[in-house]
Amino acid sequence: MTFRELLRHRALVLRAVRRGRNTDDTKKLIEKINSELERRRDLKMQRFSANTPKIYE
């Protein structure tokens, strides 16, 4: 899934939790989505920081 799709699915799942629907499964799904988003953010920052010049060496 793309980053936007993950964000959209997380919003849908959070809405389902607020409505009290199948909270155990949805909480597991939220954890999976959040971990995937965090992993992608970390990779993005690593790629960004690799091209940043070191100013204070």
PDB file of N, CA and C in Angstrom:
ATOM      1  N   MET A   1       0.830  -1.181   0.000  1.00  0.00           N
ATOM      2  CA  MET A   1       0.000   0.000   0.000  1.00  0.00           C
ATOM      3  C   MET A   1       0.874   1.245   0.000  1.00  0.00           C
ATOM      4  N   THR A   2       0.330   2.300  -0.511  1.00  0.00           N
ATOM      5  CA  THR A   2       1.054   3.557  -0.486  1.00  0.00           C
ATOM      6  C   THR A   2       0.909   4.204   0.890  1.00  0.00           C
ATOM      7  N   PHE A   3       1.698   5.234   1.115  1.00  0.00           N
ATOM      8  CA  PHE A   3       1.676   5.949   2.386  1.00  0.00           C
ATOM      9  C   PHE A   3       0.289   6.538   2.644  1.00  0.00           C
ATOM     10  N   ARG A   4      -0.297   7.131   1.617  1.00  0.00           N
ATOM     11  CA  ARG A   4      -1.627   7.723   1.770  1.00  0.00           C
ATOM     12  C   ARG A   4      -2.685   6.669   2.051  1.00  0.00           C
ATOM     13  N   GLU A   5      -2.569   5.528   1.402  1.00  0.00           N
ATOM     14  CA  GLU A   5      -3.525   4.448   1.650  1.00  0.00           C
ATOM     15  C   GLU A   5      -3.435   3.967   3.092  1.00  0.00           C
ATOM     16  N   LEU A   6      -2.213   3.857   3.600  1.00  0.00           N
ATOM     17  CA  LEU A   6      -2.041   3.449   4.993  1.00  0.00           C
ATOM     18  C   LEU A   6      -2.674   4.463   5.945  1.00  0.00           C
ATOM     19  N   LEU A   7      -2.474   5.743   5.661  1.00  0.00           N
ATOM     20  CA  LEU A   7      -3.079   6.773   6.503  1.00  0.00           C
ATOM     21  C   LEU A   7      -4.599   6.700   6.456  1.00  0.00           C
ATOM     22  N   ARG A   8      -5.143   6.468   5.282  1.00  0.00           N
ATOM     23  CA  ARG A   8      -6.596   6.383   5.136  1.00  0.00           C
ATOM     24  C   ARG A   8      -7.156   5.171   5.873  1.00  0.00           C
ATOM     25  N   HIS A   9      -6.469   4.039   5.745  1.00  0.00           N
ATOM     26  CA  HIS A   9      -6.927   2.838   6.437  1.00  0.00           C
ATOM     27  C   HIS A   9      -6.836   3.004   7.949  1.00  0.00           C
ATOM     28  N   ARG A  10      -5.797   3.694   8.402  1.00  0.00           N
ATOM     29  CA  ARG A  10      -5.678   3.943   9.837  1.00  0.00           C
ATOM     30  C   ARG A  10      -6.843   4.796  10.328  1.00  0.00           C
ATOM     31  N   ALA A  11      -7.223   5.795   9.545  1.00  0.00           N
ATOM     32  CA  ALA A  11      -8.357   6.638   9.925  1.00  0.00           C
ATOM     33  C   ALA A  11      -9.645   5.822   9.990  1.00  0.00           C
ATOM     34  N   LEU A  12      -9.833   4.933   9.032  1.00  0.00           N
ATOM     35  CA  LEU A  12     -11.031   4.091   9.033  1.00  0.00           C
ATOM     36  C   LEU A  12     -11.060   3.162  10.242  1.00  0.00           C
ATOM     37  N   VAL A  13      -9.908   2.601  10.568  1.00  0.00           N
ATOM     38  CA  VAL A  13      -9.833   1.680  11.702  1.00  0.00           C
ATOM     39  C   VAL A  13     -10.067   2.428  13.010  1.00  0.00           C
ATOM     40  N   LEU A  14      -9.503   3.616  13.135  1.00  0.00           N
ATOM     41  CA  LEU A  14      -9.717   4.404  14.350  1.00  0.00           C
ATOM     42  C   LEU A  14     -11.186   4.765  14.517  1.00  0.00           C
ATOM     43  N   ARG A  15     -11.849   5.047  13.423  1.00  0.00           N
ATOM     44  CA  ARG A  15     -13.282   5.338  13.490  1.00  0.00           C
ATOM     45  C   ARG A  15     -14.063   4.103  13.936  1.00  0.00           C
ATOM     46  N   ALA A  16     -13.641   2.930  13.466  1.00  0.00           N
ATOM     47  CA  ALA A  16     -14.299   1.689  13.880  1.00  0.00           C
ATOM     48  C   ALA A  16     -14.099   1.439  15.370  1.00  0.00           C
ATOM     49  N   VAL A  17     -12.921   1.762  15.881  1.00  0.00           N
ATOM     50  CA  VAL A  17     -12.654   1.593  17.314  1.00  0.00           C
ATOM     51  C   VAL A  17     -13.539   2.535  18.122  1.00  0.00           C
ATOM     52  N   ARG A  18     -13.672   3.775  17.662  1.00  0.00           N
ATOM     53  CA  ARG A  18     -14.530   4.727  18.376  1.00  0.00           C
ATOM     54  C   ARG A  18     -15.974   4.245  18.429  1.00  0.00           C
ATOM     55  N   ARG A  19     -16.387   3.537  17.407  1.00  0.00           N
ATOM     56  CA  ARG A  19     -17.754   3.017  17.372  1.00  0.00           C
ATOM     57  C   ARG A  19     -17.889   1.704  18.135  1.00  0.00           C
ATOM     58  N   GLY A  20     -16.768   1.171  18.615  1.00  0.00           N
ATOM     59  CA  GLY A  20     -16.797  -0.033  19.434  1.00  0.00           C
ATOM     60  C   GLY A  20     -16.910  -1.321  18.652  1.00  0.00           C
ATOM     61  N   ARG A  21     -16.402  -1.339  17.447  1.00  0.00           N
ATOM     62  CA  ARG A  21     -16.514  -2.523  16.606  1.00  0.00           C
ATOM     63  C   ARG A  21     -15.220  -3.334  16.630  1.00  0.00           C
ATOM     64  N   ASN A  22     -15.301  -4.548  17.133  1.00  0.00           N
ATOM     65  CA  ASN A  22     -14.212  -5.518  17.076  1.00  0.00           C
ATOM     66  C   ASN A  22     -12.873  -4.896  17.490  1.00  0.00           C
ATOM     67  N   THR A  23     -12.825  -4.374  18.683  1.00  0.00           N
ATOM     68  CA  THR A  23     -11.691  -3.567  19.101  1.00  0.00           C
ATOM     69  C   THR A  23     -10.385  -4.342  19.195  1.00  0.00           C
ATOM     70  N   ASP A  24     -10.407  -5.619  19.529  1.00  0.00           N
ATOM     71  CA  ASP A  24      -9.153  -6.368  19.650  1.00  0.00           C
ATOM     72  C   ASP A  24      -8.452  -6.499  18.301  1.00  0.00           C
ATOM     73  N   ASP A  25      -9.189  -6.893  17.286  1.00  0.00           N
ATOM     74  CA  ASP A  25      -8.594  -7.036  15.958  1.00  0.00           C
ATOM     75  C   ASP A  25      -8.180  -5.692  15.383  1.00  0.00           C
ATOM     76  N   THR A  26      -8.992  -4.676  15.613  1.00  0.00           N
ATOM     77  CA  THR A  26      -8.662  -3.371  15.054  1.00  0.00           C
ATOM     78  C   THR A  26      -7.447  -2.763  15.741  1.00  0.00           C
ATOM     79  N   LYS A  27      -7.283  -3.017  17.024  1.00  0.00           N
ATOM     80  CA  LYS A  27      -6.097  -2.501  17.713  1.00  0.00           C
ATOM     81  C   LYS A  27      -4.829  -3.157  17.177  1.00  0.00           C
ATOM     82  N   LYS A  28      -4.901  -4.441  16.861  1.00  0.00           N
ATOM     83  CA  LYS A  28      -3.752  -5.116  16.258  1.00  0.00           C
ATOM     84  C   LYS A  28      -3.447  -4.526  14.890  1.00  0.00           C
ATOM     85  N   LEU A  29      -4.493  -4.237  14.131  1.00  0.00           N
ATOM     86  CA  LEU A  29      -4.315  -3.652  12.810  1.00  0.00           C
ATOM     87  C   LEU A  29      -3.720  -2.253  12.909  1.00  0.00           C
ATOM     88  N   ILE A  30      -4.151  -1.485  13.888  1.00  0.00           N
ATOM     89  CA  ILE A  30      -3.589  -0.147  14.098  1.00  0.00           C
ATOM     90  C   ILE A  30      -2.100  -0.245  14.409  1.00  0.00           C
ATOM     91  N   GLU A  31      -1.714  -1.199  15.236  1.00  0.00           N
ATOM     92  CA  GLU A  31      -0.303  -1.383  15.568  1.00  0.00           C
ATOM     93  C   GLU A  31       0.507  -1.719  14.326  1.00  0.00           C
ATOM     94  N   LYS A  32      -0.027  -2.592  13.471  1.00  0.00           N
ATOM     95  CA  LYS A  32       0.671  -2.953  12.239  1.00  0.00           C
ATOM     96  C   LYS A  32       0.824  -1.747  11.318  1.00  0.00           C
ATOM     97  N   ILE A  33      -0.245  -0.984  11.168  1.00  0.00           N
ATOM     98  CA  ILE A  33      -0.200   0.193  10.294  1.00  0.00           C
ATOM     99  C   ILE A  33       0.784   1.217  10.841  1.00  0.00           C
ATOM    100  N   ASN A  34       0.738   1.480  12.143  1.00  0.00           N
ATOM    101  CA  ASN A  34       1.650   2.454  12.742  1.00  0.00           C
ATOM    102  C   ASN A  34       3.102   2.021  12.621  1.00  0.00           C
ATOM    103  N   SER A  35       3.371   0.738  12.802  1.00  0.00           N
ATOM    104  CA  SER A  35       4.754   0.274  12.673  1.00  0.00           C
ATOM    105  C   SER A  35       5.235   0.400  11.233  1.00  0.00           C
ATOM    106  N   GLU A  36       4.366   0.123  10.273  1.00  0.00           N
ATOM    107  CA  GLU A  36       4.745   0.270   8.862  1.00  0.00           C
ATOM    108  C   GLU A  36       4.986   1.739   8.510  1.00  0.00           C
ATOM    109  N   LEU A  37       4.135   2.624   8.999  1.00  0.00           N
ATOM    110  CA  LEU A  37       4.332   4.051   8.752  1.00  0.00           C
ATOM    111  C   LEU A  37       5.631   4.543   9.387  1.00  0.00           C
ATOM    112  N   GLU A  38       5.910   4.100  10.593  1.00  0.00           N
ATOM    113  CA  GLU A  38       7.151   4.490  11.272  1.00  0.00           C
ATOM    114  C   GLU A  38       8.372   3.975  10.519  1.00  0.00           C
ATOM    115  N   ARG A  39       8.300   2.746  10.037  1.00  0.00           N
ATOM    116  CA  ARG A  39       9.408   2.180   9.270  1.00  0.00           C
ATOM    117  C   ARG A  39       9.657   2.995   8.004  1.00  0.00           C
ATOM    118  N   ARG A  40       8.602   3.379   7.333  1.00  0.00           N
ATOM    119  CA  ARG A  40       8.745   4.170   6.107  1.00  0.00           C
ATOM    120  C   ARG A  40       9.290   5.559   6.398  1.00  0.00           C
ATOM    121  N   ARG A  41       8.867   6.161   7.510  1.00  0.00           N
ATOM    122  CA  ARG A  41       9.401   7.476   7.887  1.00  0.00           C
ATOM    123  C   ARG A  41      10.891   7.384   8.183  1.00  0.00           C
ATOM    124  N   ASP A  42      11.292   6.334   8.881  1.00  0.00           N
ATOM    125  CA  ASP A  42      12.708   6.150   9.192  1.00  0.00           C
ATOM    126  C   ASP A  42      13.537   5.989   7.925  1.00  0.00           C
ATOM    127  N   LEU A  43      13.054   5.184   6.985  1.00  0.00           N
ATOM    128  CA  LEU A  43      13.769   5.005   5.723  1.00  0.00           C
ATOM    129  C   LEU A  43      13.871   6.313   4.952  1.00  0.00           C
ATOM    130  N   LYS A  44      12.805   7.083   4.964  1.00  0.00           N
ATOM    131  CA  LYS A  44      12.798   8.366   4.268  1.00  0.00           C
ATOM    132  C   LYS A  44      13.833   9.311   4.879  1.00  0.00           C
ATOM    133  N   MET A  45      13.900   9.347   6.206  1.00  0.00           N
ATOM    134  CA  MET A  45      14.871  10.215   6.868  1.00  0.00           C
ATOM    135  C   MET A  45      16.302   9.741   6.640  1.00  0.00           C
ATOM    136  N   GLN A  46      16.513   8.438   6.581  1.00  0.00           N
ATOM    137  CA  GLN A  46      17.846   7.918   6.291  1.00  0.00           C
ATOM    138  C   GLN A  46      18.296   8.319   4.896  1.00  0.00           C
ATOM    139  N   ARG A  47      17.393   8.200   3.929  1.00  0.00           N
ATOM    140  CA  ARG A  47      17.739   8.591   2.560  1.00  0.00           C
ATOM    141  C   ARG A  47      18.002  10.088   2.480  1.00  0.00           C
ATOM    142  N   PHE A  48      17.215  10.871   3.189  1.00  0.00           N
ATOM    143  CA  PHE A  48      17.390  12.315   3.187  1.00  0.00           C
ATOM    144  C   PHE A  48      18.706  12.710   3.845  1.00  0.00           C
ATOM    145  N   SER A  49      19.000  12.113   4.977  1.00  0.00           N
ATOM    146  CA  SER A  49      20.207  12.492   5.711  1.00  0.00           C
ATOM    147  C   SER A  49      21.477  11.999   5.031  1.00  0.00           C
ATOM    148  N   ALA A  50      21.385  11.011   4.174  1.00  0.00           N
ATOM    149  CA  ALA A  50      22.568  10.513   3.468  1.00  0.00           C
ATOM    150  C   ALA A  50      23.103  11.553   2.494  1.00  0.00           C
ATOM    151  N   ASN A  51      22.242  12.400   1.961  1.00  0.00           N
ATOM    152  CA  ASN A  51      22.654  13.409   0.990  1.00  0.00           C
ATOM    153  C   ASN A  51      22.895  14.778   1.612  1.00  0.00           C
ATOM    154  N   THR A  52      22.716  14.905   2.902  1.00  0.00           N
ATOM    155  CA  THR A  52      22.919  16.172   3.582  1.00  0.00           C
ATOM    156  C   THR A  52      24.398  16.324   3.930  1.00  0.00           C
ATOM    157  N   PRO A  53      25.004  17.454   3.561  1.00  0.00           N
ATOM    158  CA  PRO A  53      26.429  17.636   3.877  1.00  0.00           C
ATOM    159  C   PRO A  53      26.655  17.799   5.377  1.00  0.00           C
ATOM    160  N   LYS A  54      27.772  17.307   5.839  1.00  0.00           N
ATOM    161  CA  LYS A  54      28.143  17.420   7.250  1.00  0.00           C
ATOM    162  C   LYS A  54      28.786  18.793   7.467  1.00  0.00           C
ATOM    163  N   ILE A  55      28.139  19.638   8.219  1.00  0.00           N
ATOM    164  CA  ILE A  55      28.616  21.004   8.409  1.00  0.00           C
ATOM    165  C   ILE A  55      29.625  21.082   9.549  1.00  0.00           C
ATOM    166  N   TYR A  56      29.367  20.378  10.622  1.00  0.00           N
ATOM    167  CA  TYR A  56      30.185  20.512  11.824  1.00  0.00           C
ATOM    168  C   TYR A  56      31.071  19.300  12.054  1.00  0.00           C
ATOM    169  N   GLU A  57      31.873  18.947  11.094  1.00  0.00           N
ATOM    170  CA  GLU A  57      32.781  17.803  11.277  1.00  0.00           C
ATOM    171  C   GLU A  57      34.101  18.259  11.806  1.00  0.00           C
TER     172      GLU A  57
END
